[in-house]
Amino acid sequence: MNYALQEAKSGQWDLMILDELLNGYVLYPGLQQGVIKLLEEAGNVDLVLTGRPGPQEILARGELVTELGKISHPFDRGLSARKGIDY
């Protein structure tokens, strides 16, 4: 998280996406506090953190928090994943 915080403070970026960060990784010792520090000290950069479930301590600091849910999926009709599209 130190690198992400350094990049956020550099002024080089308007947007940083930390994809799948919240998928259990923040449960590693010390990482959750690093994410909180990033959220508190990132400055003017917009941060997008994806993954679930995110710890409440992190979600509570988000300006916009959403949850995406499946309505329908091709797998429900027995269709397989397609090379080049789904993987």
N, C-alpha and C. Protein backbone atom coordinates (compact mmCIF):
# COMPACT_ATOMS: atom_id res chain seq x y z
N MET A 1 0.83 -1.19 0.00
CA MET A 1 0.00 0.00 0.00
C MET A 1 0.87 1.25 0.00
N ASN A 2 2.09 1.13 0.47
CA ASN A 2 2.97 2.29 0.46
C ASN A 2 3.18 2.81 -0.96
N TYR A 3 3.36 1.89 -1.91
CA TYR A 3 3.55 2.29 -3.30
C TYR A 3 2.30 3.00 -3.84
N ALA A 4 1.14 2.45 -3.55
CA ALA A 4 -0.11 3.07 -4.02
C ALA A 4 -0.26 4.46 -3.42
N LEU A 5 0.07 4.61 -2.15
CA LEU A 5 -0.03 5.92 -1.50
C LEU A 5 0.97 6.89 -2.12
N GLN A 6 2.17 6.43 -2.38
CA GLN A 6 3.19 7.26 -3.02
C GLN A 6 2.71 7.73 -4.39
N GLU A 7 2.15 6.82 -5.17
CA GLU A 7 1.63 7.18 -6.49
C GLU A 7 0.46 8.16 -6.39
N ALA A 8 -0.43 7.92 -5.42
CA ALA A 8 -1.60 8.80 -5.25
C ALA A 8 -1.15 10.22 -4.91
N LYS A 9 -0.12 10.35 -4.10
CA LYS A 9 0.37 11.67 -3.68
C LYS A 9 1.24 12.34 -4.74
N SER A 10 1.66 11.60 -5.76
CA SER A 10 2.58 12.14 -6.76
C SER A 10 1.97 13.26 -7.59
N GLY A 11 0.66 13.31 -7.69
CA GLY A 11 0.00 14.30 -8.52
C GLY A 11 -0.02 13.91 -9.99
N GLN A 12 0.50 12.74 -10.30
CA GLN A 12 0.58 12.28 -11.68
C GLN A 12 -0.75 11.70 -12.16
N TRP A 13 -1.60 11.27 -11.23
CA TRP A 13 -2.82 10.55 -11.60
C TRP A 13 -4.07 11.29 -11.14
N ASP A 14 -5.10 11.23 -11.97
CA ASP A 14 -6.42 11.72 -11.58
C ASP A 14 -7.27 10.58 -11.02
N LEU A 15 -6.97 9.36 -11.48
CA LEU A 15 -7.76 8.18 -11.12
C LEU A 15 -6.82 6.99 -10.92
N MET A 16 -7.04 6.25 -9.86
CA MET A 16 -6.31 5.00 -9.63
C MET A 16 -7.33 3.90 -9.36
N ILE A 17 -7.17 2.77 -10.03
CA ILE A 17 -8.07 1.63 -9.85
C ILE A 17 -7.27 0.51 -9.21
N LEU A 18 -7.68 0.09 -8.04
CA LEU A 18 -7.06 -1.03 -7.34
C LEU A 18 -8.04 -2.20 -7.45
N ASP A 19 -7.94 -2.90 -8.56
CA ASP A 19 -8.90 -3.94 -8.91
C ASP A 19 -8.77 -5.16 -8.01
N GLU A 20 -9.90 -5.62 -7.50
CA GLU A 20 -10.02 -6.81 -6.65
C GLU A 20 -9.27 -6.68 -5.32
N LEU A 21 -8.94 -5.48 -4.93
CA LEU A 21 -8.21 -5.27 -3.67
C LEU A 21 -9.02 -5.76 -2.47
N LEU A 22 -10.31 -5.62 -2.51
CA LEU A 22 -11.13 -5.94 -1.34
C LEU A 22 -11.50 -7.42 -1.24
N ASN A 23 -11.04 -8.24 -2.16
CA ASN A 23 -11.35 -9.68 -2.13
C ASN A 23 -10.49 -10.43 -1.13
N GLY A 24 -10.62 -10.08 0.12
CA GLY A 24 -9.92 -10.81 1.16
C GLY A 24 -8.50 -10.36 1.41
N TYR A 25 -7.90 -9.63 0.46
CA TYR A 25 -6.51 -9.21 0.64
C TYR A 25 -6.36 -8.27 1.83
N VAL A 26 -7.36 -7.46 2.09
CA VAL A 26 -7.26 -6.50 3.18
C VAL A 26 -7.32 -7.18 4.54
N LEU A 27 -7.51 -8.49 4.54
CA LEU A 27 -7.49 -9.22 5.81
C LEU A 27 -6.07 -9.58 6.23
N TYR A 28 -5.11 -9.45 5.30
CA TYR A 28 -3.72 -9.72 5.66
C TYR A 28 -3.27 -8.72 6.71
N PRO A 29 -2.44 -9.17 7.65
CA PRO A 29 -2.00 -8.27 8.73
C PRO A 29 -1.40 -6.97 8.19
N GLY A 30 -1.91 -5.87 8.69
CA GLY A 30 -1.40 -4.56 8.34
C GLY A 30 -1.94 -3.97 7.06
N LEU A 31 -2.45 -4.77 6.16
CA LEU A 31 -2.90 -4.24 4.88
C LEU A 31 -4.16 -3.39 5.02
N GLN A 32 -5.06 -3.80 5.88
CA GLN A 32 -6.30 -3.04 6.06
C GLN A 32 -5.97 -1.63 6.53
N GLN A 33 -5.06 -1.48 7.46
CA GLN A 33 -4.69 -0.14 7.93
C GLN A 33 -4.01 0.65 6.82
N GLY A 34 -3.26 -0.04 5.95
CA GLY A 34 -2.65 0.63 4.81
C GLY A 34 -3.68 1.17 3.84
N VAL A 35 -4.75 0.41 3.61
CA VAL A 35 -5.82 0.86 2.73
C VAL A 35 -6.52 2.07 3.35
N ILE A 36 -6.78 2.01 4.63
CA ILE A 36 -7.41 3.15 5.32
C ILE A 36 -6.52 4.39 5.21
N LYS A 37 -5.22 4.21 5.41
CA LYS A 37 -4.29 5.34 5.28
C LYS A 37 -4.32 5.90 3.86
N LEU A 38 -4.36 5.02 2.86
CA LEU A 38 -4.46 5.46 1.47
C LEU A 38 -5.71 6.29 1.25
N LEU A 39 -6.85 5.81 1.74
CA LEU A 39 -8.10 6.54 1.57
C LEU A 39 -8.07 7.91 2.25
N GLU A 40 -7.40 7.98 3.38
CA GLU A 40 -7.36 9.23 4.14
C GLU A 40 -6.34 10.23 3.60
N GLU A 41 -5.29 9.74 2.95
CA GLU A 41 -4.19 10.62 2.58
C GLU A 41 -3.95 10.74 1.07
N ALA A 42 -4.83 10.19 0.25
CA ALA A 42 -4.60 10.13 -1.20
C ALA A 42 -4.65 11.49 -1.88
N GLY A 43 -5.20 12.48 -1.24
CA GLY A 43 -5.28 13.80 -1.88
C GLY A 43 -6.41 13.87 -2.86
N ASN A 44 -6.15 14.46 -4.02
CA ASN A 44 -7.21 14.72 -5.00
C ASN A 44 -7.43 13.61 -6.00
N VAL A 45 -6.71 12.53 -5.89
CA VAL A 45 -6.88 11.43 -6.84
C VAL A 45 -8.17 10.66 -6.50
N ASP A 46 -8.92 10.28 -7.53
CA ASP A 46 -10.10 9.44 -7.33
C ASP A 46 -9.64 8.00 -7.24
N LEU A 47 -10.06 7.30 -6.21
CA LEU A 47 -9.69 5.91 -6.00
C LEU A 47 -10.90 5.02 -6.27
N VAL A 48 -10.67 3.93 -7.01
CA VAL A 48 -11.69 2.92 -7.24
C VAL A 48 -11.14 1.62 -6.69
N LEU A 49 -11.78 1.07 -5.68
CA LEU A 49 -11.40 -0.20 -5.08
C LEU A 49 -12.48 -1.20 -5.41
N THR A 50 -12.12 -2.33 -6.00
CA THR A 50 -13.12 -3.33 -6.33
C THR A 50 -12.90 -4.58 -5.49
N GLY A 51 -13.91 -5.43 -5.49
CA GLY A 51 -13.84 -6.70 -4.77
C GLY A 51 -14.89 -6.74 -3.68
N ARG A 52 -15.10 -7.95 -3.19
CA ARG A 52 -16.06 -8.11 -2.09
C ARG A 52 -15.69 -9.33 -1.29
N PRO A 53 -16.03 -9.45 -0.10
CA PRO A 53 -16.69 -8.41 0.69
C PRO A 53 -15.66 -7.47 1.27
N GLY A 54 -15.90 -6.20 1.19
CA GLY A 54 -14.99 -5.24 1.78
C GLY A 54 -15.28 -5.07 3.26
N PRO A 55 -14.24 -4.92 4.06
CA PRO A 55 -14.45 -4.70 5.50
C PRO A 55 -15.21 -3.40 5.76
N GLN A 56 -16.07 -3.40 6.73
CA GLN A 56 -16.89 -2.24 7.06
C GLN A 56 -16.03 -1.02 7.34
N GLU A 57 -14.86 -1.21 7.95
CA GLU A 57 -13.98 -0.09 8.28
C GLU A 57 -13.52 0.64 7.02
N ILE A 58 -13.43 -0.07 5.90
CA ILE A 58 -13.04 0.54 4.64
C ILE A 58 -14.27 1.08 3.91
N LEU A 59 -15.35 0.30 3.86
CA LEU A 59 -16.56 0.73 3.16
C LEU A 59 -17.12 2.02 3.76
N ALA A 60 -17.00 2.18 5.06
CA ALA A 60 -17.53 3.37 5.72
C ALA A 60 -16.81 4.65 5.28
N ARG A 61 -15.62 4.51 4.73
CA ARG A 61 -14.85 5.67 4.28
C ARG A 61 -15.08 6.01 2.80
N GLY A 62 -15.88 5.21 2.11
CA GLY A 62 -16.12 5.45 0.69
C GLY A 62 -17.14 6.53 0.45
N GLU A 63 -16.90 7.36 -0.55
CA GLU A 63 -17.89 8.36 -0.95
C GLU A 63 -19.04 7.71 -1.70
N LEU A 64 -18.72 6.72 -2.53
CA LEU A 64 -19.71 5.98 -3.30
C LEU A 64 -19.40 4.51 -3.15
N VAL A 65 -20.32 3.76 -2.59
CA VAL A 65 -20.15 2.31 -2.40
C VAL A 65 -21.33 1.63 -3.08
N THR A 66 -21.05 0.70 -3.99
CA THR A 66 -22.11 -0.01 -4.68
C THR A 66 -21.91 -1.51 -4.55
N GLU A 67 -22.97 -2.24 -4.81
CA GLU A 67 -22.91 -3.70 -4.81
C GLU A 67 -23.62 -4.17 -6.08
N LEU A 68 -22.97 -5.01 -6.82
CA LEU A 68 -23.50 -5.50 -8.08
C LEU A 68 -24.06 -6.90 -7.86
N GLY A 69 -25.23 -7.16 -8.39
CA GLY A 69 -25.83 -8.47 -8.24
C GLY A 69 -26.29 -9.02 -9.57
N LYS A 70 -26.24 -10.33 -9.70
CA LYS A 70 -26.64 -11.00 -10.94
C LYS A 70 -28.16 -11.05 -11.04
N ILE A 71 -28.68 -10.70 -12.20
CA ILE A 71 -30.10 -10.85 -12.51
C ILE A 71 -30.28 -12.12 -13.34
N SER A 72 -29.47 -12.25 -14.37
CA SER A 72 -29.46 -13.48 -15.16
C SER A 72 -28.04 -13.68 -15.67
N HIS A 73 -27.74 -14.92 -16.03
CA HIS A 73 -26.39 -15.25 -16.50
C HIS A 73 -26.48 -16.42 -17.47
N PRO A 74 -25.65 -16.44 -18.52
CA PRO A 74 -25.69 -17.56 -19.46
C PRO A 74 -25.45 -18.91 -18.79
N PHE A 75 -24.69 -18.94 -17.72
CA PHE A 75 -24.45 -20.19 -17.00
C PHE A 75 -25.77 -20.80 -16.50
N ASP A 76 -26.73 -19.95 -16.19
CA ASP A 76 -28.04 -20.42 -15.71
C ASP A 76 -28.76 -21.25 -16.78
N ARG A 77 -28.42 -21.02 -18.05
CA ARG A 77 -29.03 -21.75 -19.16
C ARG A 77 -28.12 -22.88 -19.65
N GLY A 78 -27.07 -23.16 -18.89
CA GLY A 78 -26.18 -24.26 -19.24
C GLY A 78 -25.09 -23.90 -20.24
N LEU A 79 -24.95 -22.63 -20.57
CA LEU A 79 -23.92 -22.22 -21.51
C LEU A 79 -22.56 -22.14 -20.81
N SER A 80 -21.50 -22.50 -21.51
CA SER A 80 -20.16 -22.49 -20.97
C SER A 80 -19.48 -21.15 -21.24
N ALA A 81 -18.40 -20.91 -20.52
CA ALA A 81 -17.59 -19.72 -20.76
C ALA A 81 -16.97 -19.79 -22.14
N ARG A 82 -16.83 -18.63 -22.80
CA ARG A 82 -16.31 -18.57 -24.15
C ARG A 82 -14.89 -18.01 -24.14
N LYS A 83 -13.99 -18.75 -24.78
CA LYS A 83 -12.60 -18.30 -24.86
C LYS A 83 -12.54 -16.95 -25.58
N GLY A 84 -11.78 -16.05 -25.03
CA GLY A 84 -11.64 -14.72 -25.62
C GLY A 84 -12.70 -13.74 -25.16
N ILE A 85 -13.76 -14.23 -24.56
CA ILE A 85 -14.82 -13.36 -24.04
C ILE A 85 -14.87 -13.43 -22.53
N ASP A 86 -15.03 -14.63 -21.99
CA ASP A 86 -15.17 -14.81 -20.55
C ASP A 86 -13.87 -15.15 -19.86
N TYR A 87 -12.90 -15.61 -20.63
CA TYR A 87 -11.59 -15.90 -20.05
C TYR A 87 -10.52 -15.73 -21.10
